[in-house]
Amino acid sequence: MEWLDKLDRDHDDLRVALNWLLEGGEAEAATRFGYSLYVFWWIRGYHTEGRLWAEAVLAREPNLSPISRAKALFVQGAMAMAGGDHPAAEMCYAESHALFVTAGDPLGGARPGLGLGLLAMSRADAGRAVPYLRESAKAASRAKDHFWAALSLSALGMVALGQGDHDAARAALAEGLSLSQRAGDRFSRYIALYNLSVLAQAEGDDDGAVTLYKEGLVFSRDAGDRANVAYCMEGLAALSLKRGGADRAARLLGAAQRLREGAGAAVYTYRPDRPLREHTVTTARQRLTESGFEEAWARGHAMDVERAVEYALEEAGASTV
């Protein structure tokens, strides 16, 4: 958390340094620099900026070394996926993965491999997703990189859930959560918590889902990951609606929409679940009437992030409207 905050405070200086390297023809150094920053860009919502940086590096220096090109393409792909441009993300990830594999860097390849697996998962293409995700988990585990192993296992858990195999989903997600705790990493931890929340929700364990969503919400808030705060709020909105809290659900949806807009995360990046969100919106509209829904939505949308989180934690899953 300290480093994320420090990088945010020094972001203007980092931008100057990156531009200085690019203008001075130091594309290899600029690539190493940007590759070290991409997790910060991802968590704090600088997706457009990260993508523009990667595109600038690739455009200015067509003769990058294979590994540097692989790194820049990976960052471009990750930022494109975060912004919802899946076709561009897939092209970048595919070339990056091939370059890492050819260079004999399995851990490097685990990163775009995870991205390719997530994109396949978003299309419900388990046959394509699973091999990439297993390869990524295996390479990361061998390198004792618990961060990437945890992310890959969480994704494998969600593929299993999508196929209706709750036991396999639970096992993979629990292992991913354990690895994230071992690494002391909140990012992979709150992703595992979010996915465990979805599993609990699918199994009808509403109380367990609320508890997990709230825990993931706090971690996401502390990390400054507004996109994941929004995802947790939308999960809580669905549970509130199920328990009769249509007004509360609409407010949470409005607050989540503002957060996603601010984070530049128009789509889900690792757990596509649009049907649930759309069902929650449609049902809340029906229960409240159009004007009632719009009023509640607007109240939620007017909340800043701290007030929105406070509201979500106050009575998450309450049964009153």
Protein backbone atom coordinates (compact mmCIF):
# COMPACT_ATOMS: atom_id res chain seq x y z
CA MET A 1 0.00 0.00 0.00
CA GLU A 2 2.84 2.39 0.82
CA TRP A 3 4.42 1.87 -2.60
CA LEU A 4 1.16 2.35 -4.47
CA ASP A 5 0.63 5.63 -2.65
CA LYS A 6 4.24 6.70 -3.26
CA LEU A 7 3.97 5.96 -6.96
CA ASP A 8 0.74 7.95 -7.13
CA ARG A 9 2.39 10.92 -5.42
CA ASP A 10 5.38 10.75 -7.75
CA HIS A 11 3.42 9.93 -10.89
CA ASP A 12 4.13 13.26 -12.59
CA ASP A 13 7.87 12.72 -12.11
CA LEU A 14 7.57 9.18 -13.45
CA ARG A 15 5.83 10.50 -16.55
CA VAL A 16 8.63 12.98 -17.12
CA ALA A 17 11.24 10.23 -16.72
CA LEU A 18 9.47 7.93 -19.18
CA ASN A 19 9.13 10.70 -21.76
CA TRP A 20 12.78 11.67 -21.29
CA LEU A 21 13.85 8.08 -21.97
CA LEU A 22 11.67 7.85 -25.06
CA GLU A 23 12.79 11.21 -26.43
CA GLY A 24 16.41 10.24 -25.82
CA GLY A 25 16.11 7.01 -27.78
CA GLU A 26 16.40 4.83 -24.67
CA ALA A 27 13.54 2.54 -25.65
CA GLU A 28 14.97 -0.53 -23.90
CA ALA A 29 15.25 1.35 -20.60
CA ALA A 30 11.80 2.87 -21.09
CA THR A 31 10.39 -0.62 -21.61
CA ARG A 32 11.92 -1.93 -18.40
CA PHE A 33 10.58 1.12 -16.58
CA GLY A 34 7.03 0.78 -17.90
CA TYR A 35 6.95 -2.98 -17.37
CA SER A 36 7.75 -2.33 -13.71
CA LEU A 37 4.85 0.12 -13.44
CA TYR A 38 2.04 -1.77 -15.13
CA VAL A 39 0.59 -3.32 -11.95
CA PHE A 40 0.42 0.18 -10.46
CA TRP A 41 -1.28 1.44 -13.63
CA TRP A 42 -3.73 -1.46 -13.49
CA ILE A 43 -4.72 -1.13 -9.84
CA ARG A 44 -4.99 2.65 -9.79
CA GLY A 45 -6.94 2.85 -13.06
CA TYR A 46 -4.35 4.43 -15.37
CA HIS A 47 -5.31 2.06 -18.18
CA THR A 48 -5.40 4.58 -21.01
CA GLU A 49 -2.09 6.07 -19.98
CA GLY A 50 -0.40 2.67 -19.76
CA ARG A 51 -1.69 1.69 -23.17
CA LEU A 52 -0.52 4.93 -24.76
CA TRP A 53 2.94 4.44 -23.24
CA ALA A 54 3.21 0.91 -24.65
CA GLU A 55 2.03 2.04 -28.07
CA ALA A 56 4.56 4.88 -28.07
CA VAL A 57 7.43 2.52 -27.22
CA LEU A 58 6.48 0.06 -29.96
CA ALA A 59 5.96 2.80 -32.54
CA ARG A 60 9.22 4.63 -31.84
CA GLU A 61 11.49 1.62 -31.68
CA PRO A 62 10.65 -1.18 -34.15
CA ASN A 63 13.92 -2.94 -33.36
CA LEU A 64 13.38 -3.64 -29.68
CA SER A 65 14.94 -6.83 -28.39
CA PRO A 66 12.44 -9.75 -28.39
CA ILE A 67 12.08 -9.69 -24.60
CA SER A 68 11.54 -5.92 -24.52
CA ARG A 69 8.98 -6.18 -27.30
CA ALA A 70 7.24 -8.99 -25.39
CA LYS A 71 7.08 -6.80 -22.27
CA ALA A 72 5.70 -3.76 -24.11
CA LEU A 73 3.11 -5.90 -25.91
CA PHE A 74 2.03 -7.46 -22.64
CA VAL A 75 1.46 -4.06 -21.04
CA GLN A 76 -0.42 -2.87 -24.12
CA GLY A 77 -2.58 -6.00 -24.00
CA ALA A 78 -3.30 -5.70 -20.27
CA MET A 79 -4.33 -2.06 -20.57
CA ALA A 80 -6.44 -2.79 -23.67
CA MET A 81 -8.25 -5.59 -21.83
CA ALA A 82 -8.91 -3.32 -18.86
CA GLY A 83 -10.49 -0.82 -21.24
CA GLY A 84 -12.68 -3.45 -22.87
CA ASP A 85 -10.80 -3.69 -26.19
CA HIS A 86 -10.57 -7.47 -26.22
CA PRO A 87 -9.56 -7.92 -29.90
CA ALA A 88 -6.52 -5.65 -29.44
CA ALA A 89 -5.70 -7.32 -26.13
CA GLU A 90 -5.74 -10.77 -27.71
CA MET A 91 -3.40 -9.78 -30.52
CA CYS A 92 -0.93 -8.21 -28.10
CA TYR A 93 -1.07 -11.10 -25.65
CA ALA A 94 -0.63 -13.71 -28.38
CA GLU A 95 2.54 -12.11 -29.80
CA SER A 96 3.92 -11.39 -26.32
CA HIS A 97 3.34 -14.98 -25.21
CA ALA A 98 5.03 -16.36 -28.33
CA LEU A 99 8.07 -14.10 -27.84
CA PHE A 100 8.48 -15.07 -24.19
CA VAL A 101 8.16 -18.78 -24.99
CA THR A 102 10.65 -18.56 -27.87
CA ALA A 103 13.09 -16.75 -25.57
CA GLY A 104 12.79 -19.56 -23.00
CA ASP A 105 11.15 -17.36 -20.35
CA PRO A 106 8.21 -19.38 -18.97
CA LEU A 107 7.51 -16.96 -16.12
CA GLY A 108 7.37 -14.04 -18.55
CA GLY A 109 5.03 -16.09 -20.72
CA ALA A 110 2.78 -16.80 -17.74
CA ARG A 111 1.61 -13.20 -17.75
CA PRO A 112 0.25 -12.91 -21.31
CA GLY A 113 -0.80 -16.56 -20.97
CA LEU A 114 -3.02 -15.59 -18.07
CA GLY A 115 -4.43 -12.78 -20.19
CA LEU A 116 -5.22 -15.16 -23.05
CA GLY A 117 -6.89 -17.49 -20.57
CA LEU A 118 -9.01 -14.68 -19.15
CA LEU A 119 -10.10 -13.58 -22.61
CA ALA A 120 -11.09 -17.13 -23.49
CA MET A 121 -12.95 -17.35 -20.18
CA SER A 122 -14.88 -14.19 -21.07
CA ARG A 123 -16.13 -16.04 -24.19
CA ALA A 124 -17.00 -19.13 -22.13
CA ASP A 125 -14.35 -21.03 -24.10
CA ALA A 126 -13.08 -23.33 -21.37
CA GLY A 127 -11.26 -25.56 -23.85
CA ARG A 128 -8.97 -22.68 -24.77
CA ALA A 129 -8.85 -21.00 -21.36
CA VAL A 130 -7.79 -23.96 -19.22
CA PRO A 131 -4.50 -24.83 -20.99
CA TYR A 132 -3.29 -21.23 -20.80
CA LEU A 133 -4.30 -20.85 -17.16
CA ARG A 134 -2.75 -24.14 -16.13
CA GLU A 135 0.47 -23.25 -17.95
CA SER A 136 0.57 -19.89 -16.18
CA ALA A 137 -0.11 -21.40 -12.76
CA LYS A 138 2.55 -24.07 -13.29
CA ALA A 139 5.23 -21.61 -14.47
CA ALA A 140 4.52 -19.19 -11.63
CA SER A 141 4.51 -21.96 -9.03
CA ARG A 142 7.86 -23.29 -10.26
CA ALA A 143 9.32 -19.80 -9.94
CA LYS A 144 7.69 -19.39 -6.50
CA ASP A 145 5.91 -16.32 -7.84
CA HIS A 146 2.86 -16.60 -5.59
CA PHE A 147 1.28 -13.46 -7.02
CA TRP A 148 0.89 -14.84 -10.56
CA ALA A 149 0.14 -18.35 -9.37
CA ALA A 150 -2.69 -17.00 -7.21
CA LEU A 151 -4.19 -15.03 -10.09
CA SER A 152 -4.01 -18.03 -12.42
CA LEU A 153 -5.62 -20.36 -9.87
CA SER A 154 -8.41 -17.87 -9.21
CA ALA A 155 -9.15 -17.77 -12.93
CA LEU A 156 -9.13 -21.58 -13.11
CA GLY A 157 -11.63 -21.60 -10.26
CA MET A 158 -13.99 -19.35 -12.16
CA VAL A 159 -13.75 -21.52 -15.27
CA ALA A 160 -14.72 -24.51 -13.12
CA LEU A 161 -17.63 -22.54 -11.66
CA GLY A 162 -18.79 -21.67 -15.15
CA GLN A 163 -18.85 -25.38 -15.94
CA GLY A 164 -20.87 -26.11 -12.81
CA ASP A 165 -18.05 -27.89 -10.97
CA HIS A 166 -18.29 -26.20 -7.59
CA ASP A 167 -15.88 -28.56 -5.84
CA ALA A 168 -13.11 -27.86 -8.36
CA ALA A 169 -13.88 -24.15 -8.22
CA ARG A 170 -13.67 -24.10 -4.43
CA ALA A 171 -10.38 -26.00 -4.40
CA ALA A 172 -8.71 -23.71 -6.96
CA LEU A 173 -9.99 -20.53 -5.34
CA ALA A 174 -8.96 -21.63 -1.86
CA GLU A 175 -5.47 -22.44 -3.11
CA GLY A 176 -5.28 -19.09 -4.86
CA LEU A 177 -6.33 -17.29 -1.68
CA SER A 178 -3.75 -19.22 0.33
CA LEU A 179 -0.96 -18.26 -2.08
CA SER A 180 -1.99 -14.60 -2.04
CA GLN A 181 -1.86 -14.62 1.75
CA ARG A 182 1.56 -16.28 1.64
CA ALA A 183 2.78 -13.58 -0.72
CA GLY A 184 1.34 -10.84 1.49
CA ASP A 185 -0.36 -9.45 -1.60
CA ARG A 186 -3.73 -7.71 -1.37
CA PHE A 187 -4.37 -7.48 -5.10
CA SER A 188 -4.49 -11.22 -5.79
CA ARG A 189 -6.15 -11.69 -2.40
CA TYR A 190 -9.14 -9.48 -3.07
CA ILE A 191 -9.58 -11.01 -6.51
CA ALA A 192 -9.71 -14.45 -4.87
CA LEU A 193 -12.16 -13.10 -2.29
CA TYR A 194 -14.37 -11.63 -5.00
CA ASN A 195 -14.45 -14.93 -6.86
CA LEU A 196 -15.17 -16.85 -3.65
CA SER A 197 -18.04 -14.42 -3.11
CA VAL A 198 -19.44 -15.32 -6.51
CA LEU A 199 -19.12 -19.01 -5.69
CA ALA A 200 -20.92 -18.57 -2.36
CA GLN A 201 -23.64 -16.59 -4.14
CA ALA A 202 -24.05 -19.34 -6.74
CA GLU A 203 -24.44 -21.91 -3.98
CA GLY A 204 -27.11 -19.88 -2.18
CA ASP A 205 -24.87 -18.98 0.77
CA ASP A 206 -25.96 -15.36 0.83
CA ASP A 207 -24.57 -14.58 4.28
CA GLY A 208 -21.20 -16.03 3.32
CA ALA A 209 -21.22 -14.09 0.06
CA VAL A 210 -21.96 -10.81 1.87
CA THR A 211 -19.09 -11.40 4.30
CA LEU A 212 -16.65 -12.18 1.49
CA TYR A 213 -17.78 -9.23 -0.66
CA LYS A 214 -17.32 -6.89 2.31
CA GLU A 215 -13.84 -8.25 3.05
CA GLY A 216 -12.81 -7.89 -0.61
CA LEU A 217 -14.37 -4.43 -0.70
CA VAL A 218 -12.18 -3.21 2.17
CA PHE A 219 -9.00 -4.61 0.62
CA SER A 220 -9.91 -3.06 -2.74
CA ARG A 221 -10.64 0.30 -1.13
CA ASP A 222 -7.32 0.25 0.71
CA ALA A 223 -5.45 -0.57 -2.50
CA GLY A 224 -7.21 2.19 -4.42
CA ASP A 225 -8.68 -0.31 -6.90
CA ARG A 226 -11.96 1.43 -7.67
CA ALA A 227 -12.92 -1.04 -10.37
CA ASN A 228 -12.91 -3.94 -7.92
CA VAL A 229 -14.75 -1.84 -5.33
CA ALA A 230 -17.45 -1.43 -7.98
CA TYR A 231 -17.57 -5.16 -8.73
CA CYS A 232 -18.05 -5.95 -5.02
CA MET A 233 -20.80 -3.33 -4.77
CA GLU A 234 -22.63 -4.86 -7.71
CA GLY A 235 -22.46 -8.26 -6.03
CA LEU A 236 -23.87 -6.74 -2.84
CA ALA A 237 -26.57 -5.03 -4.89
CA ALA A 238 -27.74 -8.38 -6.25
CA LEU A 239 -27.89 -9.82 -2.73
CA SER A 240 -29.75 -6.77 -1.40
CA LEU A 241 -32.30 -7.12 -4.17
CA LYS A 242 -32.75 -10.82 -3.39
CA ARG A 243 -33.52 -9.89 0.21
CA GLY A 244 -36.03 -7.21 -0.76
CA GLY A 245 -33.79 -4.15 -0.69
CA ALA A 246 -34.53 -2.73 -4.14
CA ASP A 247 -33.79 0.89 -3.19
CA ARG A 248 -30.49 -0.11 -1.62
CA ALA A 249 -29.62 -2.20 -4.66
CA ALA A 250 -30.25 0.74 -6.98
CA ARG A 251 -28.06 3.03 -4.86
CA LEU A 252 -25.23 0.50 -4.85
CA LEU A 253 -25.53 0.12 -8.62
CA GLY A 254 -25.37 3.89 -9.08
CA ALA A 255 -22.33 4.17 -6.81
CA ALA A 256 -20.64 1.29 -8.64
CA GLN A 257 -21.28 2.91 -12.01
CA ARG A 258 -19.57 6.12 -10.90
CA LEU A 259 -16.57 4.17 -9.64
CA ARG A 260 -16.25 2.19 -12.87
CA GLU A 261 -16.48 5.38 -14.91
CA GLY A 262 -13.74 6.97 -12.83
CA ALA A 263 -11.51 3.91 -13.12
CA GLY A 264 -11.98 3.63 -16.88
CA ALA A 265 -13.18 0.06 -16.35
CA ALA A 266 -16.24 -0.11 -18.56
CA VAL A 267 -16.22 -3.91 -18.59
CA TYR A 268 -15.24 -6.75 -16.31
CA THR A 269 -11.66 -7.84 -16.77
CA TYR A 270 -11.41 -11.12 -14.92
CA ARG A 271 -14.92 -12.23 -14.04
CA PRO A 272 -17.46 -11.43 -16.75
CA ASP A 273 -20.90 -11.57 -15.15
CA ARG A 274 -22.99 -9.09 -17.07
CA PRO A 275 -26.20 -11.16 -16.96
CA LEU A 276 -26.33 -10.94 -13.16
CA ARG A 277 -25.79 -7.19 -13.20
CA GLU A 278 -28.36 -6.71 -15.96
CA HIS A 279 -30.87 -8.85 -14.06
CA THR A 280 -30.30 -6.78 -10.92
CA VAL A 281 -30.85 -3.51 -12.81
CA THR A 282 -33.98 -4.78 -14.59
CA THR A 283 -35.57 -6.24 -11.46
CA ALA A 284 -34.81 -3.17 -9.34
CA ARG A 285 -36.45 -0.98 -11.99
CA GLN A 286 -39.56 -3.15 -11.95
CA ARG A 287 -39.86 -3.09 -8.17
CA LEU A 288 -39.24 0.63 -7.72
CA THR A 289 -40.86 2.01 -10.88
CA GLU A 290 -38.75 3.94 -13.35
CA SER A 291 -38.74 7.21 -11.41
CA GLY A 292 -38.01 5.51 -8.10
CA PHE A 293 -35.10 3.59 -9.61
CA GLU A 294 -33.62 6.67 -11.26
CA GLU A 295 -33.84 8.65 -8.01
CA ALA A 296 -32.12 5.91 -6.00
CA TRP A 297 -29.51 5.38 -8.73
CA ALA A 298 -28.76 9.12 -8.79
CA ARG A 299 -28.27 9.17 -5.01
CA GLY A 300 -25.78 6.35 -5.28
CA HIS A 301 -24.03 7.93 -8.25
CA ALA A 302 -23.57 11.15 -6.26
CA MET A 303 -21.53 9.39 -3.56
CA ASP A 304 -17.76 9.74 -3.52
CA VAL A 305 -15.73 6.58 -3.05
CA GLU A 306 -15.43 6.86 0.74
CA ARG A 307 -19.14 7.47 1.25
CA ALA A 308 -20.01 4.68 -1.21
CA VAL A 309 -17.83 2.18 0.65
CA GLU A 310 -19.24 3.32 3.99
CA TYR A 311 -22.77 2.83 2.65
CA ALA A 312 -21.96 -0.61 1.27
CA LEU A 313 -20.53 -1.73 4.60
CA GLU A 314 -23.31 -0.28 6.76
CA GLU A 315 -26.03 -2.79 6.08
CA ALA A 316 -24.75 -4.96 3.26
CA GLY A 317 -27.48 -7.39 2.32
CA ALA A 318 -30.10 -5.68 4.51
CA SER A 319 -33.67 -6.80 4.03
CA THR A 320 -35.25 -3.34 4.23
CA VAL A 321 -35.84 -1.02 1.28
